[in-house]
Amino acid sequence: MSKHPQSKLAITRKDDGNPEGKGANGFLLDWAKCAPRGLVAKPRQQILAEFFTSMLVLSAKFKFRPAIGVTNYLYWVDGAWTLSLISPQEWSNEKYAAFAGSCVLQADMTWTIEPSEQLAKDSPMAEALGHFYDAFSKQLDNDQVIEDILPFYDGTVGYYQRLYASGLSRSIRATVELGDQASESCQQWRALLPRLKNILPNPVP
């Protein structure tokens, strides 16, 4: 088992078409709701930033269906990332200290994050984010194309995480095709990867 479970990016496709006992019709409806919309070509660094932030959010624990345009809140709690609809102001001071940022699901199934000022402090949460960034960078250290490393989560991850990971994969695959970037190797993408403090939309001081 990895010393830092939050950095696990090794992901596999699940063969079971009826995850967690969901009815087939319900699953198809969920699948349709996770179809990316409004896709456009994007600069490479924007794709990388959205890939990173989306993977971070989807590595979190959550048991609800995120809605497009609704603010969610990412926390580092008991050694794991957790996504919640409860804002930091509604938690205790301890939970507020573990607040990583405000997250919004976009129509194209990517996630944006407005990072918390807490990430600028030396803390286990900041360290965990650094480990996650290192794992993300390492996954790009190969000669495959980026489409080959897109996320399909295994059965150890929740239903909605798997569902939205699939939506993210469809989004990035279509976006790089629109931008004529599909033939570029992961190494080429990795060379454009900004430093951790610059990959989030509002750089951490």
C-alpha atoms as a PDB file:
ATOM      1  CA  MET A   1       0.000   0.000   0.000  1.00  0.00           C
ATOM      2  CA  SER A   2       1.261   3.476  -0.873  1.00  0.00           C
ATOM      3  CA  LYS A   3       2.529   5.606   1.953  1.00  0.00           C
ATOM      4  CA  HIS A   4       0.477   8.449   0.546  1.00  0.00           C
ATOM      5  CA  PRO A   5      -2.891   7.028  -0.587  1.00  0.00           C
ATOM      6  CA  GLN A   6      -4.007  10.414  -1.840  1.00  0.00           C
ATOM      7  CA  SER A   7      -1.425  10.163  -4.612  1.00  0.00           C
ATOM      8  CA  LYS A   8      -2.811   6.949  -6.077  1.00  0.00           C
ATOM      9  CA  LEU A   9      -3.372   7.633  -9.739  1.00  0.00           C
ATOM     10  CA  ALA A  10      -3.143   4.052 -10.997  1.00  0.00           C
ATOM     11  CA  ILE A  11      -6.642   3.556 -12.312  1.00  0.00           C
ATOM     12  CA  THR A  12      -8.409   0.780 -14.161  1.00  0.00           C
ATOM     13  CA  ARG A  13     -11.632   0.396 -16.070  1.00  0.00           C
ATOM     14  CA  LYS A  14     -14.410  -1.381 -14.174  1.00  0.00           C
ATOM     15  CA  ASP A  15     -16.099  -4.104 -16.199  1.00  0.00           C
ATOM     16  CA  ASP A  16     -19.314  -4.209 -14.174  1.00  0.00           C
ATOM     17  CA  GLY A  17     -21.900  -2.190 -16.088  1.00  0.00           C
ATOM     18  CA  ASN A  18     -24.215  -2.000 -13.084  1.00  0.00           C
ATOM     19  CA  PRO A  19     -22.026  -0.480 -10.329  1.00  0.00           C
ATOM     20  CA  GLU A  20     -23.096  -0.718  -6.694  1.00  0.00           C
ATOM     21  CA  GLY A  21     -26.456  -2.209  -7.580  1.00  0.00           C
ATOM     22  CA  LYS A  22     -27.660   0.855  -9.479  1.00  0.00           C
ATOM     23  CA  GLY A  23     -30.495   0.057 -11.874  1.00  0.00           C
ATOM     24  CA  ALA A  24     -29.520  -0.037 -15.524  1.00  0.00           C
ATOM     25  CA  ASN A  25     -31.876   2.818 -16.416  1.00  0.00           C
ATOM     26  CA  GLY A  26     -30.561   4.917 -13.549  1.00  0.00           C
ATOM     27  CA  PHE A  27     -26.998   4.306 -14.596  1.00  0.00           C
ATOM     28  CA  LEU A  28     -27.723   5.324 -18.193  1.00  0.00           C
ATOM     29  CA  LEU A  29     -29.357   8.516 -16.972  1.00  0.00           C
ATOM     30  CA  ASP A  30     -26.352   9.259 -14.766  1.00  0.00           C
ATOM     31  CA  TRP A  31     -24.033   8.523 -17.681  1.00  0.00           C
ATOM     32  CA  ALA A  32     -25.946  10.973 -19.886  1.00  0.00           C
ATOM     33  CA  LYS A  33     -25.824  13.668 -17.191  1.00  0.00           C
ATOM     34  CA  CYS A  34     -22.037  13.295 -17.075  1.00  0.00           C
ATOM     35  CA  ALA A  35     -21.627  13.842 -20.800  1.00  0.00           C
ATOM     36  CA  PRO A  36     -19.317  16.847 -21.349  1.00  0.00           C
ATOM     37  CA  ARG A  37     -20.923  19.845 -23.041  1.00  0.00           C
ATOM     38  CA  GLY A  38     -19.614  23.044 -24.588  1.00  0.00           C
ATOM     39  CA  LEU A  39     -16.277  21.546 -25.565  1.00  0.00           C
ATOM     40  CA  VAL A  40     -13.704  23.827 -27.183  1.00  0.00           C
ATOM     41  CA  ALA A  41      -9.994  23.656 -28.005  1.00  0.00           C
ATOM     42  CA  LYS A  42      -7.838  24.905 -25.129  1.00  0.00           C
ATOM     43  CA  PRO A  43      -4.187  25.853 -24.547  1.00  0.00           C
ATOM     44  CA  ARG A  44      -2.074  22.958 -23.319  1.00  0.00           C
ATOM     45  CA  GLN A  45      -1.326  24.465 -19.913  1.00  0.00           C
ATOM     46  CA  GLN A  46      -5.033  25.027 -19.314  1.00  0.00           C
ATOM     47  CA  ILE A  47      -5.720  21.384 -20.152  1.00  0.00           C
ATOM     48  CA  LEU A  48      -2.989  20.276 -17.741  1.00  0.00           C
ATOM     49  CA  ALA A  49      -4.277  22.519 -14.951  1.00  0.00           C
ATOM     50  CA  GLU A  50      -7.841  21.283 -15.395  1.00  0.00           C
ATOM     51  CA  PHE A  51      -6.667  17.673 -15.571  1.00  0.00           C
ATOM     52  CA  PHE A  52      -4.742  18.113 -12.322  1.00  0.00           C
ATOM     53  CA  THR A  53      -7.479  19.914 -10.388  1.00  0.00           C
ATOM     54  CA  SER A  54     -10.111  17.492 -11.643  1.00  0.00           C
ATOM     55  CA  MET A  55      -8.062  14.474 -10.597  1.00  0.00           C
ATOM     56  CA  LEU A  56      -7.540  16.026  -7.171  1.00  0.00           C
ATOM     57  CA  VAL A  57     -11.275  16.550  -6.673  1.00  0.00           C
ATOM     58  CA  LEU A  58     -12.141  13.089  -7.976  1.00  0.00           C
ATOM     59  CA  SER A  59      -9.665  11.500  -5.580  1.00  0.00           C
ATOM     60  CA  ALA A  60     -11.786  12.843  -2.709  1.00  0.00           C
ATOM     61  CA  LYS A  61     -14.466  10.956  -0.821  1.00  0.00           C
ATOM     62  CA  PHE A  62     -18.041  12.016  -1.583  1.00  0.00           C
ATOM     63  CA  LYS A  63     -21.391  10.256  -1.789  1.00  0.00           C
ATOM     64  CA  PHE A  64     -23.515  12.827  -3.576  1.00  0.00           C
ATOM     65  CA  ARG A  65     -24.058  13.834  -7.187  1.00  0.00           C
ATOM     66  CA  PRO A  66     -22.166  17.070  -7.870  1.00  0.00           C
ATOM     67  CA  ALA A  67     -24.130  19.609  -9.915  1.00  0.00           C
ATOM     68  CA  ILE A  68     -22.699  21.860 -12.605  1.00  0.00           C
ATOM     69  CA  GLY A  69     -22.017  25.364 -11.343  1.00  0.00           C
ATOM     70  CA  VAL A  70     -22.573  24.560  -7.661  1.00  0.00           C
ATOM     71  CA  THR A  71     -19.753  25.316  -5.222  1.00  0.00           C
ATOM     72  CA  ASN A  72     -18.317  22.344  -3.331  1.00  0.00           C
ATOM     73  CA  TYR A  73     -15.606  22.408  -0.677  1.00  0.00           C
ATOM     74  CA  LEU A  74     -12.473  20.289  -0.568  1.00  0.00           C
ATOM     75  CA  TYR A  75     -10.978  19.292   2.793  1.00  0.00           C
ATOM     76  CA  TRP A  76      -8.038  17.221   4.014  1.00  0.00           C
ATOM     77  CA  VAL A  77      -9.501  15.171   6.875  1.00  0.00           C
ATOM     78  CA  ASP A  78      -7.948  12.190   8.675  1.00  0.00           C
ATOM     79  CA  GLY A  79      -5.384  11.619   5.946  1.00  0.00           C
ATOM     80  CA  ALA A  80      -7.789  11.754   3.000  1.00  0.00           C
ATOM     81  CA  TRP A  81      -9.357  14.295   0.667  1.00  0.00           C
ATOM     82  CA  THR A  82     -13.066  14.869   1.269  1.00  0.00           C
ATOM     83  CA  LEU A  83     -15.537  16.816  -0.884  1.00  0.00           C
ATOM     84  CA  SER A  84     -18.465  18.436   0.899  1.00  0.00           C
ATOM     85  CA  LEU A  85     -21.373  20.799   0.270  1.00  0.00           C
ATOM     86  CA  ILE A  86     -20.743  22.371   3.682  1.00  0.00           C
ATOM     87  CA  SER A  87     -18.685  25.557   3.622  1.00  0.00           C
ATOM     88  CA  PRO A  88     -15.716  26.034   5.974  1.00  0.00           C
ATOM     89  CA  GLN A  89     -17.588  28.748   7.865  1.00  0.00           C
ATOM     90  CA  GLU A  90     -20.113  26.120   8.958  1.00  0.00           C
ATOM     91  CA  TRP A  91     -17.436  23.816  10.393  1.00  0.00           C
ATOM     92  CA  SER A  92     -15.336  23.978  13.512  1.00  0.00           C
ATOM     93  CA  ASN A  93     -11.989  25.793  13.533  1.00  0.00           C
ATOM     94  CA  GLU A  94     -10.274  22.421  13.139  1.00  0.00           C
ATOM     95  CA  LYS A  95     -12.185  21.664   9.952  1.00  0.00           C
ATOM     96  CA  TYR A  96     -11.619  25.209   8.706  1.00  0.00           C
ATOM     97  CA  ALA A  97      -7.868  24.651   9.025  1.00  0.00           C
ATOM     98  CA  ALA A  98      -8.258  21.608   6.756  1.00  0.00           C
ATOM     99  CA  PHE A  99     -10.038  23.566   4.002  1.00  0.00           C
ATOM    100  CA  ALA A 100      -8.188  23.235   0.693  1.00  0.00           C
ATOM    101  CA  GLY A 101     -10.429  25.217  -1.636  1.00  0.00           C
ATOM    102  CA  SER A 102     -13.771  25.835  -3.312  1.00  0.00           C
ATOM    103  CA  CYS A 103     -14.484  23.527  -6.261  1.00  0.00           C
ATOM    104  CA  VAL A 104     -16.939  23.960  -9.130  1.00  0.00           C
ATOM    105  CA  LEU A 105     -17.884  21.368 -11.741  1.00  0.00           C
ATOM    106  CA  GLN A 106     -17.957  22.882 -15.223  1.00  0.00           C
ATOM    107  CA  ALA A 107     -20.268  21.878 -18.062  1.00  0.00           C
ATOM    108  CA  ASP A 108     -17.392  20.133 -19.843  1.00  0.00           C
ATOM    109  CA  MET A 109     -16.929  17.857 -16.758  1.00  0.00           C
ATOM    110  CA  THR A 110     -13.682  19.471 -15.646  1.00  0.00           C
ATOM    111  CA  TRP A 111     -13.298  20.941 -12.166  1.00  0.00           C
ATOM    112  CA  THR A 112     -11.954  24.350 -11.219  1.00  0.00           C
ATOM    113  CA  ILE A 113     -10.560  25.124  -7.774  1.00  0.00           C
ATOM    114  CA  GLU A 114     -10.205  28.414  -5.956  1.00  0.00           C
ATOM    115  CA  PRO A 115      -7.518  27.471  -3.437  1.00  0.00           C
ATOM    116  CA  SER A 116      -7.784  28.342   0.222  1.00  0.00           C
ATOM    117  CA  GLU A 117      -5.237  30.519   1.970  1.00  0.00           C
ATOM    118  CA  GLN A 118      -4.705  27.496   4.227  1.00  0.00           C
ATOM    119  CA  LEU A 119      -2.680  25.871   1.438  1.00  0.00           C
ATOM    120  CA  ALA A 120      -0.026  28.562   1.839  1.00  0.00           C
ATOM    121  CA  LYS A 121       0.741  27.318   5.341  1.00  0.00           C
ATOM    122  CA  ASP A 122       3.141  24.526   6.235  1.00  0.00           C
ATOM    123  CA  SER A 123       0.728  21.736   7.128  1.00  0.00           C
ATOM    124  CA  PRO A 124      -0.075  18.066   6.464  1.00  0.00           C
ATOM    125  CA  MET A 125      -2.635  19.274   3.910  1.00  0.00           C
ATOM    126  CA  ALA A 126      -0.040  21.256   1.963  1.00  0.00           C
ATOM    127  CA  GLU A 127       2.308  18.270   2.119  1.00  0.00           C
ATOM    128  CA  ALA A 128      -0.440  15.973   0.837  1.00  0.00           C
ATOM    129  CA  LEU A 129      -1.081  18.313  -2.085  1.00  0.00           C
ATOM    130  CA  GLY A 130       2.626  18.242  -2.892  1.00  0.00           C
ATOM    131  CA  HIS A 131       2.617  14.442  -2.934  1.00  0.00           C
ATOM    132  CA  PHE A 132      -0.419  14.455  -5.211  1.00  0.00           C
ATOM    133  CA  TYR A 133       1.329  16.860  -7.600  1.00  0.00           C
ATOM    134  CA  ASP A 134       4.449  14.683  -7.646  1.00  0.00           C
ATOM    135  CA  ALA A 135       2.365  11.599  -8.464  1.00  0.00           C
ATOM    136  CA  PHE A 136       0.556  13.482 -11.231  1.00  0.00           C
ATOM    137  CA  SER A 137       3.884  14.587 -12.719  1.00  0.00           C
ATOM    138  CA  LYS A 138       5.263  11.059 -12.496  1.00  0.00           C
ATOM    139  CA  GLN A 139       2.272   9.652 -14.351  1.00  0.00           C
ATOM    140  CA  LEU A 140       3.134  11.924 -17.267  1.00  0.00           C
ATOM    141  CA  ASP A 141       6.690  10.579 -17.352  1.00  0.00           C
ATOM    142  CA  ASN A 142       6.201   8.135 -20.235  1.00  0.00           C
ATOM    143  CA  ASP A 143       5.921   8.003 -24.020  1.00  0.00           C
ATOM    144  CA  GLN A 144       2.188   7.296 -24.163  1.00  0.00           C
ATOM    145  CA  VAL A 145      -0.298   9.853 -25.428  1.00  0.00           C
ATOM    146  CA  ILE A 146      -2.375  11.625 -22.805  1.00  0.00           C
ATOM    147  CA  GLU A 147      -5.543   9.798 -23.838  1.00  0.00           C
ATOM    148  CA  ASP A 148      -3.956   6.541 -22.645  1.00  0.00           C
ATOM    149  CA  ILE A 149      -3.665   7.702 -19.023  1.00  0.00           C
ATOM    150  CA  LEU A 150      -7.122   9.205 -18.604  1.00  0.00           C
ATOM    151  CA  PRO A 151      -8.947   8.002 -15.486  1.00  0.00           C
ATOM    152  CA  PHE A 152     -11.163   4.961 -15.167  1.00  0.00           C
ATOM    153  CA  TYR A 153     -11.518   4.143 -11.494  1.00  0.00           C
ATOM    154  CA  ASP A 154     -11.715   0.660 -10.032  1.00  0.00           C
ATOM    155  CA  GLY A 155     -14.310  -0.724  -7.659  1.00  0.00           C
ATOM    156  CA  THR A 156     -12.553   0.598  -4.555  1.00  0.00           C
ATOM    157  CA  VAL A 157     -13.666   4.107  -5.462  1.00  0.00           C
ATOM    158  CA  GLY A 158     -17.227   5.389  -5.104  1.00  0.00           C
ATOM    159  CA  TYR A 159     -19.902   5.312  -7.768  1.00  0.00           C
ATOM    160  CA  TYR A 160     -19.968   9.051  -8.415  1.00  0.00           C
ATOM    161  CA  GLN A 161     -16.186   9.290  -8.518  1.00  0.00           C
ATOM    162  CA  ARG A 162     -16.104   6.619 -11.240  1.00  0.00           C
ATOM    163  CA  LEU A 163     -18.944   8.264 -13.118  1.00  0.00           C
ATOM    164  CA  TYR A 164     -17.433  11.741 -13.139  1.00  0.00           C
ATOM    165  CA  ALA A 165     -13.970  10.364 -13.904  1.00  0.00           C
ATOM    166  CA  SER A 166     -15.459   8.879 -17.050  1.00  0.00           C
ATOM    167  CA  GLY A 167     -16.977  12.264 -17.911  1.00  0.00           C
ATOM    168  CA  LEU A 168     -13.599  13.904 -17.400  1.00  0.00           C
ATOM    169  CA  SER A 169     -11.935  11.341 -19.656  1.00  0.00           C
ATOM    170  CA  ARG A 170     -14.434  11.949 -22.428  1.00  0.00           C
ATOM    171  CA  SER A 171     -13.935  15.700 -22.039  1.00  0.00           C
ATOM    172  CA  ILE A 172     -10.131  15.702 -22.228  1.00  0.00           C
ATOM    173  CA  ARG A 173     -10.067  13.212 -25.095  1.00  0.00           C
ATOM    174  CA  ALA A 174     -12.425  15.389 -27.145  1.00  0.00           C
ATOM    175  CA  THR A 175     -10.629  18.614 -26.178  1.00  0.00           C
ATOM    176  CA  VAL A 176      -7.188  17.438 -27.327  1.00  0.00           C
ATOM    177  CA  GLU A 177      -8.707  16.203 -30.575  1.00  0.00           C
ATOM    178  CA  LEU A 178     -10.296  19.608 -31.152  1.00  0.00           C
ATOM    179  CA  GLY A 179      -6.937  21.257 -30.529  1.00  0.00           C
ATOM    180  CA  ASP A 180      -5.016  18.801 -32.742  1.00  0.00           C
ATOM    181  CA  GLN A 181      -2.993  17.772 -29.670  1.00  0.00           C
ATOM    182  CA  ALA A 182      -3.889  14.083 -29.590  1.00  0.00           C
ATOM    183  CA  SER A 183      -0.602  12.814 -30.988  1.00  0.00           C
ATOM    184  CA  GLU A 184       1.617  14.500 -28.384  1.00  0.00           C
ATOM    185  CA  SER A 185       3.329  12.278 -25.849  1.00  0.00           C
ATOM    186  CA  CYS A 186       2.873  12.546 -22.107  1.00  0.00           C
ATOM    187  CA  GLN A 187       6.517  13.622 -21.908  1.00  0.00           C
ATOM    188  CA  GLN A 188       5.714  16.598 -24.114  1.00  0.00           C
ATOM    189  CA  TRP A 189       2.802  17.499 -21.853  1.00  0.00           C
ATOM    190  CA  ARG A 190       4.964  17.040 -18.753  1.00  0.00           C
ATOM    191  CA  ALA A 191       7.486  19.555 -20.066  1.00  0.00           C
ATOM    192  CA  LEU A 192       4.718  22.180 -19.915  1.00  0.00           C
ATOM    193  CA  LEU A 193       3.621  21.286 -16.387  1.00  0.00           C
ATOM    194  CA  PRO A 194       3.859  24.402 -14.195  1.00  0.00           C
ATOM    195  CA  ARG A 195       5.127  24.353 -10.643  1.00  0.00           C
ATOM    196  CA  LEU A 196       2.597  23.358  -8.005  1.00  0.00           C
ATOM    197  CA  LYS A 197       2.009  26.892  -6.780  1.00  0.00           C
ATOM    198  CA  ASN A 198       1.182  27.977 -10.348  1.00  0.00           C
ATOM    199  CA  ILE A 199      -1.031  25.109 -11.460  1.00  0.00           C
ATOM    200  CA  LEU A 200      -3.963  26.282  -9.351  1.00  0.00           C
ATOM    201  CA  PRO A 201      -5.973  29.252 -10.703  1.00  0.00           C
ATOM    202  CA  ASN A 202      -4.988  31.589  -7.878  1.00  0.00           C
ATOM    203  CA  PRO A 203      -1.328  30.915  -7.056  1.00  0.00           C
ATOM    204  CA  VAL A 204      -0.650  30.013  -3.443  1.00  0.00           C
ATOM    205  CA  PRO A 205       1.680  32.651  -1.912  1.00  0.00           C
END
